[in-house]
Amino acid sequence: MHKDLEKVLYTEEEIRETAKRLADQINEDYAGQEVVFVGLLKGSVQFMADLLKNIEIMCTVDFMCVSSYGNGTKSTGRVNIIKDLSEPIDDKNVIIVEDIIDSGNTLNFIKRYFSAKNANSVRICTLLNKPSRREVEIDVDYIGFDVPDEFVVGYGLDYCEYYRNLPYIGVLKPEIYA
């Protein structure tokens, strides 16, 4: 698995420090309030776990599974809800937790979807942000790292469901996915 990577972009330690920095900001922004953290499966699981370890405000956790990629490397632009929320979010502060924002299509869809479900507020927290690939404008409230336009895997991010278990984030060699 490790031999399939060109390089490591972010180490396990750098990711942990970033999760703490983002959690500290969320704790400050939502002091005295409650938040529902919604992780987008499957990629957000590792990041969300590290983020939540540092959250000190009252919160609940939920998950959604959505897809706009299938087994490809580019977004289809059409978002499919595979697993919806388990609890209502009416009048609640929601923070969507994502592994990476690429085209912005998925997060744009989810943000509008949550607003239609009468969420009090909807913010986005992402480990990785790839603004060079944006197809739709989207406000991202909490960003771990801005990444170059390279195919990244590890720490929850996959290629055809593989590499999610790497403890760091690396760049996949093009011959692996070409």
Protein backbone atom coordinates (compact mmCIF):
# COMPACT_ATOMS: atom_id res chain seq x y z
CA MET A 1 0.00 0.00 0.00
CA HIS A 2 2.71 2.50 1.00
CA LYS A 3 4.61 1.82 -2.23
CA ASP A 4 1.62 3.17 -4.22
CA LEU A 5 2.26 6.68 -2.92
CA GLU A 6 4.46 9.38 -4.44
CA LYS A 7 4.84 11.22 -1.14
CA VAL A 8 3.31 11.92 2.25
CA LEU A 9 1.53 15.30 2.39
CA TYR A 10 0.47 15.35 6.06
CA THR A 11 1.71 13.15 8.87
CA GLU A 12 -0.45 11.62 11.56
CA GLU A 13 0.89 14.17 14.06
CA GLU A 14 0.14 17.15 11.75
CA ILE A 15 -3.41 15.87 11.27
CA ARG A 16 -3.95 15.45 15.04
CA GLU A 17 -2.68 19.00 15.68
CA THR A 18 -4.98 20.35 12.98
CA ALA A 19 -8.01 18.51 14.42
CA LYS A 20 -7.23 20.11 17.79
CA ARG A 21 -6.90 23.59 16.23
CA LEU A 22 -10.25 23.25 14.46
CA ALA A 23 -11.96 21.87 17.59
CA ASP A 24 -10.62 24.78 19.64
CA GLN A 25 -12.15 27.22 17.15
CA ILE A 26 -15.50 25.38 17.19
CA ASN A 27 -15.48 25.34 21.01
CA GLU A 28 -14.96 29.10 21.00
CA ASP A 29 -17.57 29.79 18.29
CA TYR A 30 -20.24 27.64 19.96
CA ALA A 31 -19.48 28.29 23.63
CA GLY A 32 -22.69 27.73 25.62
CA GLN A 33 -24.50 26.20 22.64
CA GLU A 34 -25.23 22.69 21.43
CA VAL A 35 -24.13 21.31 18.08
CA VAL A 36 -24.99 18.30 15.96
CA PHE A 37 -21.88 17.00 14.18
CA VAL A 38 -22.82 15.20 10.96
CA GLY A 39 -20.06 13.09 9.46
CA LEU A 40 -20.23 12.23 5.79
CA LEU A 41 -19.42 8.56 5.42
CA LYS A 42 -17.10 6.94 4.86
CA GLY A 43 -14.19 9.33 4.50
CA SER A 44 -14.86 11.58 7.49
CA VAL A 45 -14.75 8.87 10.17
CA GLN A 46 -11.09 9.15 11.21
CA PHE A 47 -11.05 12.95 11.12
CA MET A 48 -14.37 13.22 12.95
CA ALA A 49 -13.11 10.91 15.72
CA ASP A 50 -10.01 13.05 16.26
CA LEU A 51 -12.03 16.27 16.07
CA LEU A 52 -14.59 15.07 18.63
CA LYS A 53 -11.88 14.07 21.11
CA ASN A 54 -11.20 17.81 21.44
CA ILE A 55 -14.78 19.13 21.47
CA GLU A 56 -15.79 20.47 24.87
CA ILE A 57 -19.30 21.78 24.11
CA MET A 58 -22.53 19.78 24.36
CA CYS A 59 -22.98 17.86 21.14
CA THR A 60 -24.57 14.91 19.42
CA VAL A 61 -23.26 12.92 16.47
CA ASP A 62 -25.00 11.67 13.36
CA PHE A 63 -23.90 10.36 9.97
CA MET A 64 -25.00 10.52 6.38
CA CYS A 65 -23.75 8.55 3.45
CA VAL A 66 -23.84 10.38 0.15
CA SER A 67 -22.08 9.77 -3.12
CA SER A 68 -21.23 11.74 -6.20
CA TYR A 69 -18.17 9.74 -7.29
CA GLY A 70 -18.99 6.03 -7.52
CA ASN A 71 -15.64 4.35 -8.20
CA GLY A 72 -14.34 7.18 -10.38
CA THR A 73 -11.86 9.93 -9.63
CA LYS A 74 -14.13 12.82 -10.64
CA SER A 75 -17.49 13.91 -9.29
CA THR A 76 -20.50 13.07 -11.45
CA GLY A 77 -22.17 16.26 -10.22
CA ARG A 78 -25.22 14.27 -9.08
CA VAL A 79 -25.50 13.57 -5.36
CA ASN A 80 -27.18 10.40 -4.13
CA ILE A 81 -28.28 9.99 -0.50
CA ILE A 82 -27.46 6.43 0.54
CA LYS A 83 -28.07 6.88 4.30
CA ASP A 84 -29.96 9.86 5.70
CA LEU A 85 -29.80 11.39 9.17
CA SER A 86 -31.10 9.33 12.10
CA GLU A 87 -32.50 12.29 14.05
CA PRO A 88 -34.30 15.51 13.08
CA ILE A 89 -32.19 18.68 12.93
CA ASP A 90 -35.00 21.25 13.26
CA ASP A 91 -33.74 24.38 15.04
CA LYS A 92 -30.31 22.83 15.67
CA ASN A 93 -26.81 24.08 14.93
CA VAL A 94 -25.23 21.62 12.51
CA ILE A 95 -21.61 21.20 11.59
CA ILE A 96 -20.99 18.97 8.59
CA VAL A 97 -17.69 17.10 8.95
CA GLU A 98 -16.04 16.13 5.68
CA ASP A 99 -12.71 14.60 4.71
CA ILE A 100 -12.16 16.65 1.53
CA ILE A 101 -14.01 19.28 -0.47
CA ASP A 102 -13.27 19.02 -4.15
CA SER A 103 -15.92 20.16 -6.66
CA GLY A 104 -18.19 21.46 -3.88
CA ASN A 105 -21.25 19.77 -5.40
CA THR A 106 -21.86 17.38 -2.51
CA LEU A 107 -21.49 19.99 0.23
CA ASN A 108 -23.59 22.52 -1.67
CA PHE A 109 -26.36 19.91 -1.95
CA ILE A 110 -26.11 18.84 1.71
CA LYS A 111 -26.05 22.41 3.00
CA ARG A 112 -29.25 23.24 1.07
CA TYR A 113 -30.79 19.92 2.17
CA PHE A 114 -30.14 20.71 5.85
CA SER A 115 -31.52 24.23 5.47
CA ALA A 116 -34.70 22.71 4.01
CA LYS A 117 -34.85 20.49 7.13
CA ASN A 118 -35.01 23.73 9.20
CA ALA A 119 -31.57 23.59 10.76
CA ASN A 120 -30.85 26.72 12.80
CA SER A 121 -27.39 27.02 11.26
CA VAL A 122 -25.24 24.88 8.97
CA ARG A 123 -21.46 25.14 8.90
CA ILE A 124 -18.80 23.02 7.24
CA CYS A 125 -15.63 21.61 8.78
CA THR A 126 -13.25 19.84 6.41
CA LEU A 127 -9.85 18.32 6.89
CA LEU A 128 -8.82 19.01 3.29
CA ASN A 129 -9.90 21.74 0.90
CA LYS A 130 -9.09 21.64 -2.80
CA PRO A 131 -10.27 25.05 -4.09
CA SER A 132 -8.64 24.60 -7.51
CA ARG A 133 -11.28 21.96 -8.36
CA ARG A 134 -14.38 23.96 -7.31
CA GLU A 135 -17.36 23.80 -9.64
CA VAL A 136 -19.78 25.59 -7.30
CA GLU A 137 -19.16 28.36 -4.81
CA ILE A 138 -19.34 27.12 -1.22
CA ASP A 139 -18.43 28.74 2.07
CA VAL A 140 -16.22 26.50 4.18
CA ASP A 141 -16.09 27.59 7.82
CA TYR A 142 -13.33 25.38 9.21
CA ILE A 143 -10.46 24.20 7.00
CA GLY A 144 -7.61 21.94 8.06
CA PHE A 145 -5.36 22.16 5.00
CA ASP A 146 -5.61 23.55 1.48
CA VAL A 147 -4.29 20.84 -0.82
CA PRO A 148 -2.91 20.95 -4.37
CA ASP A 149 -4.75 19.34 -7.27
CA GLU A 150 -3.33 15.87 -6.68
CA PHE A 151 -5.07 12.58 -5.92
CA VAL A 152 -4.79 12.15 -2.15
CA VAL A 153 -5.54 9.06 -0.07
CA GLY A 154 -5.21 7.90 3.51
CA TYR A 155 -6.74 8.87 6.84
CA GLY A 156 -10.20 8.06 5.52
CA LEU A 157 -9.70 9.10 1.91
CA ASP A 158 -9.84 6.30 -0.61
CA TYR A 159 -9.38 5.13 -4.13
CA CYS A 160 -11.92 2.37 -4.89
CA GLU A 161 -12.35 1.88 -1.11
CA TYR A 162 -8.63 1.18 -0.55
CA TYR A 163 -6.05 3.23 1.40
CA ARG A 164 -8.57 4.62 3.97
CA ASN A 165 -6.63 2.90 6.76
CA LEU A 166 -3.36 4.77 6.20
CA PRO A 167 -2.58 6.88 9.29
CA TYR A 168 -1.40 9.82 7.15
CA ILE A 169 -2.40 11.55 3.90
CA GLY A 170 -0.35 10.90 0.79
CA VAL A 171 -0.41 11.47 -2.95
CA LEU A 172 -1.34 8.38 -4.96
CA LYS A 173 0.89 7.58 -7.93
CA PRO A 174 -0.98 8.34 -11.20
CA GLU A 175 -0.28 4.86 -12.62
CA ILE A 176 -2.44 3.39 -9.84
CA TYR A 177 -5.62 5.20 -10.90
CA ALA A 178 -4.93 5.98 -14.58
